[in-house]
Amino acid sequence: MQTAISFKNVDSSEHLKSYVSEKLNRFDKLFDNPATAQVVLSVEKHRHSAEIHITADRMTITGKEETGDLYSAIDMVLDKLETQLKRGKQKIRERRTIAKGRTRAIREEAAPAAEVEPPRREVRIETLDTKPMDVEEAVLQMDMSSRDFLAFMNARSSQINVIYRRKDGHYGLLQPPG
């Protein structure tokens, strides 16, 4: 990581520069591309402050901390920046998944979109094991199950039929014409 360190009202020391560089190098694994950091260390009376700006991956994060010790200010601001960076990366990941979902939805829609989109309905697809049986046997199957309908192959006509439970408690049969 490229680091530019400047000092205000404090003597520049190699120890402070190396400390900041070491701490910033742990951020390199979090970035995909090279990053740049601008660090400003200052002292005003008893307030020691550290301000850091990091720019990378189309993201800029900034943090500033003031304490009684310059080293603790550096540690605190780096913790703050790490939290911001992780939150920013998570937002980017969420946006990508939402964008991918939108493009899939757009591709799957055959009709043009209306101005007000209705809520999407989920269609669950199940494969049915249709075995040949008589209508009477299908009624017995419905009596034993809690389902509202049963698709089966009619043994007499060799066609797919659907038997369903009506609101009045009786059964209905759907069969193709012919």
N, C-alpha and C. Protein backbone atom coordinates (compact mmCIF):
# COMPACT_ATOMS: atom_id res chain seq x y z
N MET A 1 0.85 -1.16 0.00
CA MET A 1 0.00 0.00 0.00
C MET A 1 0.90 1.23 0.00
N GLN A 2 0.58 2.17 -0.87
CA GLN A 2 1.30 3.44 -0.90
C GLN A 2 0.84 4.29 0.27
N THR A 3 1.78 4.76 1.05
CA THR A 3 1.43 5.51 2.25
C THR A 3 2.16 6.85 2.26
N ALA A 4 1.41 7.93 2.49
CA ALA A 4 1.99 9.26 2.66
C ALA A 4 1.66 9.72 4.07
N ILE A 5 2.72 9.94 4.87
CA ILE A 5 2.53 10.31 6.27
C ILE A 5 3.01 11.74 6.47
N SER A 6 2.15 12.54 7.08
CA SER A 6 2.54 13.92 7.39
C SER A 6 2.31 14.18 8.88
N PHE A 7 3.13 15.08 9.42
CA PHE A 7 3.09 15.37 10.85
C PHE A 7 2.74 16.84 11.05
N LYS A 8 1.91 17.13 12.04
CA LYS A 8 1.58 18.50 12.42
C LYS A 8 1.89 18.68 13.90
N ASN A 9 2.72 19.65 14.21
CA ASN A 9 3.10 19.97 15.59
C ASN A 9 3.74 18.80 16.32
N VAL A 10 4.36 17.91 15.60
CA VAL A 10 5.06 16.79 16.20
C VAL A 10 6.28 16.47 15.33
N ASP A 11 7.35 16.04 15.95
CA ASP A 11 8.55 15.69 15.19
C ASP A 11 8.33 14.37 14.48
N SER A 12 8.76 14.31 13.22
CA SER A 12 8.61 13.06 12.47
C SER A 12 9.65 12.07 12.96
N SER A 13 9.19 10.85 13.18
CA SER A 13 10.10 9.81 13.64
C SER A 13 9.92 8.57 12.78
N GLU A 14 11.00 7.88 12.56
CA GLU A 14 10.96 6.65 11.77
C GLU A 14 10.14 5.58 12.48
N HIS A 15 10.18 5.60 13.80
CA HIS A 15 9.43 4.61 14.55
C HIS A 15 7.92 4.77 14.31
N LEU A 16 7.42 6.00 14.33
CA LEU A 16 6.00 6.24 14.04
C LEU A 16 5.65 5.85 12.61
N LYS A 17 6.53 6.20 11.67
CA LYS A 17 6.29 5.86 10.27
C LYS A 17 6.22 4.35 10.07
N SER A 18 7.14 3.62 10.65
CA SER A 18 7.14 2.16 10.50
C SER A 18 5.93 1.54 11.21
N TYR A 19 5.54 2.11 12.34
CA TYR A 19 4.37 1.60 13.07
C TYR A 19 3.10 1.73 12.22
N VAL A 20 2.92 2.92 11.64
CA VAL A 20 1.74 3.16 10.80
C VAL A 20 1.79 2.27 9.56
N SER A 21 2.95 2.14 8.93
CA SER A 21 3.08 1.30 7.73
C SER A 21 2.76 -0.15 8.02
N GLU A 22 3.28 -0.67 9.13
CA GLU A 22 2.99 -2.05 9.52
C GLU A 22 1.49 -2.26 9.72
N LYS A 23 0.86 -1.33 10.42
CA LYS A 23 -0.57 -1.46 10.69
C LYS A 23 -1.39 -1.36 9.41
N LEU A 24 -0.98 -0.51 8.48
CA LEU A 24 -1.73 -0.36 7.23
C LEU A 24 -1.53 -1.54 6.30
N ASN A 25 -0.41 -2.25 6.42
CA ASN A 25 -0.16 -3.39 5.54
C ASN A 25 -1.14 -4.53 5.78
N ARG A 26 -1.76 -4.59 6.94
CA ARG A 26 -2.76 -5.65 7.17
C ARG A 26 -4.02 -5.43 6.35
N PHE A 27 -4.21 -4.21 5.83
CA PHE A 27 -5.36 -3.91 4.98
C PHE A 27 -5.16 -4.40 3.55
N ASP A 28 -3.91 -4.68 3.15
CA ASP A 28 -3.64 -5.08 1.78
C ASP A 28 -4.43 -6.32 1.37
N LYS A 29 -4.62 -7.25 2.28
CA LYS A 29 -5.34 -8.48 1.95
C LYS A 29 -6.84 -8.23 1.73
N LEU A 30 -7.34 -7.11 2.21
CA LEU A 30 -8.76 -6.80 2.07
C LEU A 30 -9.08 -6.11 0.74
N PHE A 31 -8.06 -5.61 0.04
CA PHE A 31 -8.28 -4.90 -1.21
C PHE A 31 -7.94 -5.79 -2.39
N ASP A 32 -8.68 -5.61 -3.48
CA ASP A 32 -8.40 -6.34 -4.71
C ASP A 32 -7.31 -5.65 -5.52
N ASN A 33 -7.26 -4.34 -5.48
CA ASN A 33 -6.31 -3.54 -6.24
C ASN A 33 -5.40 -2.76 -5.28
N PRO A 34 -4.30 -2.20 -5.80
CA PRO A 34 -3.43 -1.41 -4.93
C PRO A 34 -4.19 -0.21 -4.33
N ALA A 35 -3.83 0.11 -3.10
CA ALA A 35 -4.51 1.18 -2.37
C ALA A 35 -3.51 2.27 -2.01
N THR A 36 -4.04 3.46 -1.77
CA THR A 36 -3.21 4.57 -1.29
C THR A 36 -3.79 5.06 0.03
N ALA A 37 -2.88 5.45 0.93
CA ALA A 37 -3.30 5.93 2.25
C ALA A 37 -2.60 7.26 2.52
N GLN A 38 -3.37 8.19 3.04
CA GLN A 38 -2.82 9.48 3.47
C GLN A 38 -3.06 9.58 4.97
N VAL A 39 -1.95 9.73 5.71
CA VAL A 39 -2.02 9.73 7.16
C VAL A 39 -1.55 11.10 7.67
N VAL A 40 -2.33 11.67 8.57
CA VAL A 40 -1.96 12.93 9.20
C VAL A 40 -1.94 12.70 10.71
N LEU A 41 -0.74 12.87 11.32
CA LEU A 41 -0.58 12.71 12.76
C LEU A 41 -0.33 14.09 13.34
N SER A 42 -1.11 14.47 14.35
CA SER A 42 -0.95 15.82 14.91
C SER A 42 -1.10 15.80 16.42
N VAL A 43 -0.51 16.84 17.03
CA VAL A 43 -0.59 17.01 18.48
C VAL A 43 -0.97 18.45 18.76
N GLU A 44 -2.04 18.63 19.55
CA GLU A 44 -2.47 19.96 19.99
C GLU A 44 -2.70 19.88 21.49
N LYS A 45 -1.86 20.53 22.23
CA LYS A 45 -1.87 20.49 23.70
C LYS A 45 -1.80 19.03 24.16
N HIS A 46 -2.86 18.51 24.75
CA HIS A 46 -2.84 17.13 25.25
C HIS A 46 -3.61 16.17 24.33
N ARG A 47 -4.06 16.67 23.20
CA ARG A 47 -4.83 15.83 22.27
C ARG A 47 -3.91 15.34 21.16
N HIS A 48 -3.79 14.05 21.06
CA HIS A 48 -3.03 13.42 19.99
C HIS A 48 -4.06 12.84 19.01
N SER A 49 -3.98 13.25 17.76
CA SER A 49 -4.98 12.78 16.80
C SER A 49 -4.32 12.12 15.60
N ALA A 50 -5.03 11.16 15.05
CA ALA A 50 -4.60 10.44 13.84
C ALA A 50 -5.77 10.47 12.87
N GLU A 51 -5.48 10.91 11.66
CA GLU A 51 -6.50 10.97 10.61
C GLU A 51 -5.97 10.21 9.40
N ILE A 52 -6.77 9.27 8.89
CA ILE A 52 -6.33 8.42 7.78
C ILE A 52 -7.40 8.40 6.71
N HIS A 53 -6.96 8.58 5.44
CA HIS A 53 -7.82 8.47 4.26
C HIS A 53 -7.26 7.34 3.41
N ILE A 54 -8.08 6.34 3.11
CA ILE A 54 -7.65 5.23 2.25
C ILE A 54 -8.55 5.22 1.03
N THR A 55 -7.90 5.13 -0.15
CA THR A 55 -8.63 5.09 -1.41
C THR A 55 -8.21 3.82 -2.16
N ALA A 56 -9.21 2.98 -2.48
CA ALA A 56 -8.96 1.75 -3.24
C ALA A 56 -10.28 1.14 -3.67
N ASP A 57 -10.25 0.38 -4.73
CA ASP A 57 -11.42 -0.37 -5.21
C ASP A 57 -12.66 0.51 -5.33
N ARG A 58 -12.52 1.69 -5.92
CA ARG A 58 -13.62 2.64 -6.11
C ARG A 58 -14.32 2.97 -4.80
N MET A 59 -13.53 3.00 -3.72
CA MET A 59 -14.08 3.26 -2.40
C MET A 59 -13.09 4.15 -1.64
N THR A 60 -13.61 5.11 -0.92
CA THR A 60 -12.79 5.97 -0.07
C THR A 60 -13.33 5.88 1.35
N ILE A 61 -12.44 5.54 2.28
CA ILE A 61 -12.84 5.49 3.68
C ILE A 61 -11.96 6.43 4.48
N THR A 62 -12.56 7.08 5.45
CA THR A 62 -11.87 8.09 6.24
C THR A 62 -12.18 7.88 7.72
N GLY A 63 -11.15 8.10 8.54
CA GLY A 63 -11.36 7.99 9.97
C GLY A 63 -10.46 8.94 10.72
N LYS A 64 -10.94 9.40 11.88
CA LYS A 64 -10.16 10.30 12.70
C LYS A 64 -10.43 9.96 14.16
N GLU A 65 -9.36 9.93 14.95
CA GLU A 65 -9.48 9.65 16.38
C GLU A 65 -8.56 10.57 17.16
N GLU A 66 -9.00 10.96 18.34
CA GLU A 66 -8.21 11.79 19.25
C GLU A 66 -8.15 11.10 20.61
N THR A 67 -6.93 10.93 21.12
CA THR A 67 -6.74 10.35 22.46
C THR A 67 -5.57 11.07 23.13
N GLY A 68 -5.17 10.57 24.27
CA GLY A 68 -4.04 11.14 24.98
C GLY A 68 -2.71 10.58 24.51
N ASP A 69 -2.75 9.50 23.70
CA ASP A 69 -1.53 8.86 23.21
C ASP A 69 -1.63 8.68 21.71
N LEU A 70 -0.58 8.99 20.98
CA LEU A 70 -0.61 8.93 19.52
C LEU A 70 -0.74 7.49 19.01
N TYR A 71 -0.09 6.54 19.68
CA TYR A 71 -0.16 5.15 19.25
C TYR A 71 -1.57 4.58 19.42
N SER A 72 -2.21 4.91 20.51
CA SER A 72 -3.58 4.41 20.71
C SER A 72 -4.54 5.08 19.73
N ALA A 73 -4.28 6.34 19.37
CA ALA A 73 -5.12 7.01 18.37
C ALA A 73 -4.99 6.30 17.03
N ILE A 74 -3.77 5.91 16.68
CA ILE A 74 -3.55 5.18 15.42
C ILE A 74 -4.30 3.85 15.45
N ASP A 75 -4.17 3.11 16.55
CA ASP A 75 -4.86 1.81 16.66
C ASP A 75 -6.37 1.97 16.57
N MET A 76 -6.90 2.97 17.25
CA MET A 76 -8.36 3.16 17.25
C MET A 76 -8.89 3.55 15.88
N VAL A 77 -8.17 4.43 15.18
CA VAL A 77 -8.64 4.84 13.86
C VAL A 77 -8.53 3.68 12.87
N LEU A 78 -7.52 2.84 13.01
CA LEU A 78 -7.40 1.69 12.11
C LEU A 78 -8.52 0.68 12.36
N ASP A 79 -8.91 0.49 13.62
CA ASP A 79 -10.04 -0.40 13.91
C ASP A 79 -11.33 0.15 13.30
N LYS A 80 -11.49 1.46 13.40
CA LYS A 80 -12.67 2.11 12.82
C LYS A 80 -12.69 1.94 11.30
N LEU A 81 -11.52 2.12 10.67
CA LEU A 81 -11.43 1.97 9.21
C LEU A 81 -11.69 0.54 8.77
N GLU A 82 -11.23 -0.42 9.56
CA GLU A 82 -11.45 -1.82 9.21
C GLU A 82 -12.95 -2.14 9.23
N THR A 83 -13.65 -1.62 10.21
CA THR A 83 -15.10 -1.82 10.28
C THR A 83 -15.79 -1.18 9.08
N GLN A 84 -15.39 0.03 8.73
CA GLN A 84 -15.98 0.71 7.57
C GLN A 84 -15.71 -0.06 6.29
N LEU A 85 -14.49 -0.56 6.16
CA LEU A 85 -14.11 -1.29 4.95
C LEU A 85 -14.92 -2.57 4.80
N LYS A 86 -15.06 -3.32 5.87
CA LYS A 86 -15.83 -4.57 5.81
C LYS A 86 -17.30 -4.28 5.50
N ARG A 87 -17.85 -3.22 6.09
CA ARG A 87 -19.23 -2.86 5.81
C ARG A 87 -19.40 -2.44 4.35
N GLY A 88 -18.45 -1.69 3.83
CA GLY A 88 -18.51 -1.26 2.43
C GLY A 88 -18.40 -2.43 1.47
N LYS A 89 -17.50 -3.37 1.76
CA LYS A 89 -17.35 -4.57 0.91
C LYS A 89 -18.63 -5.39 0.93
N GLN A 90 -19.27 -5.51 2.10
CA GLN A 90 -20.51 -6.26 2.21
C GLN A 90 -21.61 -5.61 1.39
N LYS A 91 -21.69 -4.28 1.41
CA LYS A 91 -22.69 -3.58 0.61
C LYS A 91 -22.48 -3.83 -0.88
N ILE A 92 -21.23 -3.82 -1.30
CA ILE A 92 -20.93 -4.08 -2.71
C ILE A 92 -21.36 -5.48 -3.09
N ARG A 93 -21.06 -6.47 -2.21
CA ARG A 93 -21.49 -7.84 -2.50
C ARG A 93 -23.00 -7.95 -2.59
N GLU A 94 -23.72 -7.27 -1.69
CA GLU A 94 -25.18 -7.32 -1.71
C GLU A 94 -25.72 -6.68 -2.97
N ARG A 95 -25.14 -5.56 -3.39
CA ARG A 95 -25.60 -4.91 -4.62
C ARG A 95 -25.38 -5.80 -5.82
N ARG A 96 -24.25 -6.50 -5.84
CA ARG A 96 -23.97 -7.40 -6.98
C ARG A 96 -24.99 -8.52 -7.05
N THR A 97 -25.33 -9.12 -5.89
CA THR A 97 -26.30 -10.21 -5.92
C THR A 97 -27.68 -9.70 -6.29
N ILE A 98 -28.04 -8.50 -5.82
CA ILE A 98 -29.33 -7.93 -6.20
C ILE A 98 -29.35 -7.64 -7.69
N ALA A 99 -28.26 -7.08 -8.20
CA ALA A 99 -28.19 -6.77 -9.63
C ALA A 99 -28.25 -8.05 -10.46
N LYS A 100 -27.58 -9.11 -10.01
CA LYS A 100 -27.65 -10.38 -10.74
C LYS A 100 -29.07 -10.91 -10.73
N GLY A 101 -29.75 -10.81 -9.60
CA GLY A 101 -31.13 -11.27 -9.51
C GLY A 101 -32.05 -10.49 -10.43
N ARG A 102 -31.81 -9.18 -10.54
CA ARG A 102 -32.64 -8.35 -11.42
C ARG A 102 -32.42 -8.72 -12.87
N THR A 103 -31.18 -8.95 -13.28
CA THR A 103 -30.93 -9.30 -14.67
C THR A 103 -31.53 -10.66 -14.99
N ARG A 104 -31.46 -11.60 -14.04
CA ARG A 104 -32.09 -12.89 -14.27
C ARG A 104 -33.60 -12.73 -14.42
N ALA A 105 -34.19 -11.93 -13.55
CA ALA A 105 -35.63 -11.72 -13.59
C ALA A 105 -36.03 -11.06 -14.90
N ILE A 106 -35.24 -10.11 -15.37
CA ILE A 106 -35.55 -9.43 -16.62
C ILE A 106 -35.45 -10.40 -17.78
N ARG A 107 -34.43 -11.25 -17.77
CA ARG A 107 -34.29 -12.23 -18.86
C ARG A 107 -35.42 -13.23 -18.85
N GLU A 108 -35.87 -13.62 -17.66
CA GLU A 108 -36.91 -14.64 -17.57
C GLU A 108 -38.28 -14.12 -17.96
N GLU A 109 -38.50 -12.83 -17.81
CA GLU A 109 -39.80 -12.28 -18.15
C GLU A 109 -39.95 -12.22 -19.66
N ALA A 110 -41.04 -12.74 -20.15
CA ALA A 110 -41.28 -12.70 -21.58
C ALA A 110 -42.07 -11.45 -21.96
N ALA A 111 -42.98 -11.04 -21.10
CA ALA A 111 -43.82 -9.88 -21.38
C ALA A 111 -43.08 -8.60 -21.00
N PRO A 112 -43.39 -7.49 -21.67
CA PRO A 112 -42.76 -6.23 -21.27
C PRO A 112 -43.24 -5.81 -19.88
N ALA A 113 -42.38 -5.17 -19.15
CA ALA A 113 -42.69 -4.77 -17.78
C ALA A 113 -43.67 -3.61 -17.76
N ALA A 114 -44.63 -3.66 -16.87
CA ALA A 114 -45.59 -2.57 -16.71
C ALA A 114 -44.95 -1.48 -15.86
N GLU A 115 -45.61 -0.35 -15.78
CA GLU A 115 -45.05 0.74 -14.98
C GLU A 115 -44.99 0.36 -13.51
N VAL A 116 -46.04 -0.30 -13.02
CA VAL A 116 -46.06 -0.77 -11.64
C VAL A 116 -45.94 -2.28 -11.69
N GLU A 117 -44.84 -2.79 -11.17
CA GLU A 117 -44.61 -4.23 -11.24
C GLU A 117 -45.40 -4.93 -10.15
N PRO A 118 -46.16 -5.95 -10.51
CA PRO A 118 -46.86 -6.73 -9.48
C PRO A 118 -45.84 -7.58 -8.73
N PRO A 119 -46.16 -8.00 -7.52
CA PRO A 119 -45.23 -8.85 -6.79
C PRO A 119 -45.01 -10.16 -7.53
N ARG A 120 -43.79 -10.62 -7.52
CA ARG A 120 -43.46 -11.86 -8.23
C ARG A 120 -44.06 -13.04 -7.51
N ARG A 121 -44.59 -13.98 -8.27
CA ARG A 121 -45.15 -15.19 -7.70
C ARG A 121 -44.15 -16.31 -7.88
N GLU A 122 -44.06 -17.12 -6.87
CA GLU A 122 -43.15 -18.25 -6.92
C GLU A 122 -43.90 -19.45 -7.46
N VAL A 123 -43.30 -20.14 -8.41
CA VAL A 123 -43.89 -21.34 -8.97
C VAL A 123 -43.03 -22.52 -8.56
N ARG A 124 -43.59 -23.39 -7.77
CA ARG A 124 -42.87 -24.58 -7.34
C ARG A 124 -43.18 -25.71 -8.31
N ILE A 125 -42.16 -26.35 -8.82
CA ILE A 125 -42.33 -27.43 -9.78
C ILE A 125 -42.04 -28.74 -9.08
N GLU A 126 -43.01 -29.65 -9.17
CA GLU A 126 -42.85 -30.97 -8.59
C GLU A 126 -43.08 -32.01 -9.68
N THR A 127 -42.33 -33.07 -9.62
CA THR A 127 -42.57 -34.17 -10.55
C THR A 127 -43.44 -35.20 -9.82
N LEU A 128 -44.46 -35.67 -10.51
CA LEU A 128 -45.39 -36.61 -9.92
C LEU A 128 -45.15 -37.99 -10.48
N ASP A 129 -45.15 -38.95 -9.60
CA ASP A 129 -45.03 -40.34 -10.01
C ASP A 129 -46.45 -40.85 -10.25
N THR A 130 -46.89 -40.80 -11.50
CA THR A 130 -48.26 -41.19 -11.82
C THR A 130 -48.30 -42.67 -12.15
N LYS A 131 -48.95 -43.42 -11.29
CA LYS A 131 -49.07 -44.85 -11.55
C LYS A 131 -50.50 -45.14 -12.00
N PRO A 132 -50.67 -46.14 -12.84
CA PRO A 132 -52.02 -46.46 -13.32
C PRO A 132 -52.91 -46.96 -12.18
N MET A 133 -54.11 -46.37 -12.09
CA MET A 133 -55.10 -46.81 -11.09
C MET A 133 -56.50 -46.42 -11.56
N ASP A 134 -57.48 -47.06 -10.97
CA ASP A 134 -58.87 -46.73 -11.25
C ASP A 134 -59.26 -45.49 -10.47
N VAL A 135 -60.41 -44.90 -10.82
CA VAL A 135 -60.90 -43.71 -10.14
C VAL A 135 -61.23 -44.05 -8.68
N GLU A 136 -61.78 -45.24 -8.45
CA GLU A 136 -62.12 -45.64 -7.09
C GLU A 136 -60.86 -45.74 -6.22
N GLU A 137 -59.79 -46.27 -6.79
CA GLU A 137 -58.53 -46.38 -6.06
C GLU A 137 -57.96 -44.99 -5.76
N ALA A 138 -58.13 -44.06 -6.69
CA ALA A 138 -57.66 -42.68 -6.50
C ALA A 138 -58.45 -42.02 -5.36
N VAL A 139 -59.76 -42.29 -5.27
CA VAL A 139 -60.56 -41.74 -4.18
C VAL A 139 -60.06 -42.29 -2.84
N LEU A 140 -59.74 -43.58 -2.79
CA LEU A 140 -59.21 -44.17 -1.57
C LEU A 140 -57.87 -43.52 -1.18
N GLN A 141 -57.02 -43.26 -2.18
CA GLN A 141 -55.74 -42.58 -1.93
C GLN A 141 -55.98 -41.18 -1.35
N MET A 142 -56.96 -40.47 -1.89
CA MET A 142 -57.27 -39.12 -1.39
C MET A 142 -57.78 -39.18 0.04
N ASP A 143 -58.57 -40.20 0.37
CA ASP A 143 -59.08 -40.35 1.73
C ASP A 143 -57.94 -40.57 2.72
N MET A 144 -56.89 -41.27 2.30
CA MET A 144 -55.77 -41.56 3.20
C MET A 144 -54.78 -40.40 3.31
N SER A 145 -54.78 -39.47 2.34
CA SER A 145 -53.81 -38.37 2.38
C SER A 145 -54.49 -37.06 2.79
N SER A 146 -53.69 -36.07 3.06
CA SER A 146 -54.23 -34.76 3.43
C SER A 146 -54.18 -33.78 2.26
N ARG A 147 -53.81 -34.26 1.09
CA ARG A 147 -53.71 -33.38 -0.08
C ARG A 147 -55.09 -33.03 -0.61
N ASP A 148 -55.13 -31.93 -1.35
CA ASP A 148 -56.39 -31.48 -1.93
C ASP A 148 -56.62 -32.03 -3.33
N PHE A 149 -55.59 -32.58 -3.94
CA PHE A 149 -55.74 -33.15 -5.28
C PHE A 149 -54.73 -34.27 -5.46
N LEU A 150 -54.97 -35.10 -6.49
CA LEU A 150 -54.08 -36.21 -6.82
C LEU A 150 -54.08 -36.39 -8.33
N ALA A 151 -52.92 -36.38 -8.92
CA ALA A 151 -52.79 -36.66 -10.36
C ALA A 151 -52.43 -38.13 -10.50
N PHE A 152 -53.11 -38.81 -11.41
CA PHE A 152 -52.87 -40.24 -11.60
C PHE A 152 -53.15 -40.60 -13.05
N MET A 153 -52.64 -41.76 -13.46
CA MET A 153 -52.92 -42.26 -14.80
C MET A 153 -54.10 -43.21 -14.71
N ASN A 154 -55.15 -42.88 -15.45
CA ASN A 154 -56.36 -43.70 -15.45
C ASN A 154 -56.04 -45.02 -16.13
N ALA A 155 -56.26 -46.12 -15.41
CA ALA A 155 -55.92 -47.45 -15.93
C ALA A 155 -56.79 -47.81 -17.13
N ARG A 156 -58.01 -47.29 -17.21
CA ARG A 156 -58.91 -47.63 -18.31
C ARG A 156 -58.59 -46.85 -19.58
N SER A 157 -58.30 -45.53 -19.44
CA SER A 157 -58.09 -44.69 -20.63
C SER A 157 -56.62 -44.42 -20.91
N SER A 158 -55.72 -44.75 -20.01
CA SER A 158 -54.27 -44.49 -20.13
C SER A 158 -53.96 -43.01 -20.30
N GLN A 159 -54.79 -42.15 -19.72
CA GLN A 159 -54.57 -40.71 -19.77
C GLN A 159 -54.40 -40.19 -18.34
N ILE A 160 -53.74 -39.03 -18.24
CA ILE A 160 -53.54 -38.41 -16.94
C ILE A 160 -54.85 -37.76 -16.50
N ASN A 161 -55.29 -38.07 -15.28
CA ASN A 161 -56.47 -37.48 -14.68
C ASN A 161 -56.08 -36.83 -13.35
N VAL A 162 -56.92 -35.91 -12.91
CA VAL A 162 -56.70 -35.25 -11.62
C VAL A 162 -58.00 -35.36 -10.83
N ILE A 163 -57.88 -35.87 -9.61
CA ILE A 163 -59.02 -35.91 -8.72
C ILE A 163 -58.75 -34.89 -7.63
N TYR A 164 -59.80 -34.14 -7.26
CA TYR A 164 -59.61 -33.08 -6.27
C TYR A 164 -60.75 -33.09 -5.27
N ARG A 165 -60.46 -32.54 -4.10
CA ARG A 165 -61.44 -32.46 -3.02
C ARG A 165 -62.19 -31.14 -3.14
N ARG A 166 -63.52 -31.21 -3.24
CA ARG A 166 -64.33 -30.00 -3.37
C ARG A 166 -64.64 -29.42 -1.99
N LYS A 167 -65.12 -28.19 -1.99
CA LYS A 167 -65.43 -27.51 -0.72
C LYS A 167 -66.57 -28.18 0.03
N ASP A 168 -67.47 -28.84 -0.69
CA ASP A 168 -68.60 -29.49 -0.03
C ASP A 168 -68.24 -30.88 0.52
N GLY A 169 -66.95 -31.30 0.39
CA GLY A 169 -66.51 -32.59 0.93
C GLY A 169 -66.51 -33.71 -0.09
N HIS A 170 -67.15 -33.51 -1.24
CA HIS A 170 -67.17 -34.53 -2.28
C HIS A 170 -65.93 -34.38 -3.14
N TYR A 171 -65.80 -35.22 -4.16
CA TYR A 171 -64.62 -35.19 -5.04
C TYR A 171 -65.01 -34.77 -6.44
N GLY A 172 -64.05 -34.19 -7.15
CA GLY A 172 -64.22 -33.85 -8.55
C GLY A 172 -63.13 -34.53 -9.36
N LEU A 173 -63.41 -34.81 -10.63
CA LEU A 173 -62.45 -35.49 -11.49
C LEU A 173 -62.24 -34.64 -12.75
N LEU A 174 -60.95 -34.36 -13.05
CA LEU A 174 -60.59 -33.67 -14.28
C LEU A 174 -59.93 -34.68 -15.19
N GLN A 175 -60.48 -34.75 -16.43
CA GLN A 175 -59.90 -35.67 -17.41
C GLN A 175 -59.92 -35.02 -18.78
N PRO A 176 -58.95 -35.35 -19.64
CA PRO A 176 -58.92 -34.75 -20.97
C PRO A 176 -60.08 -35.26 -21.82
N PRO A 177 -60.49 -34.45 -22.80
CA PRO A 177 -61.62 -34.90 -23.64
C PRO A 177 -61.20 -36.08 -24.52
N GLY A 178 -62.17 -36.88 -24.84
CA GLY A 178 -61.91 -37.96 -25.80
C GLY A 178 -62.15 -39.29 -25.31
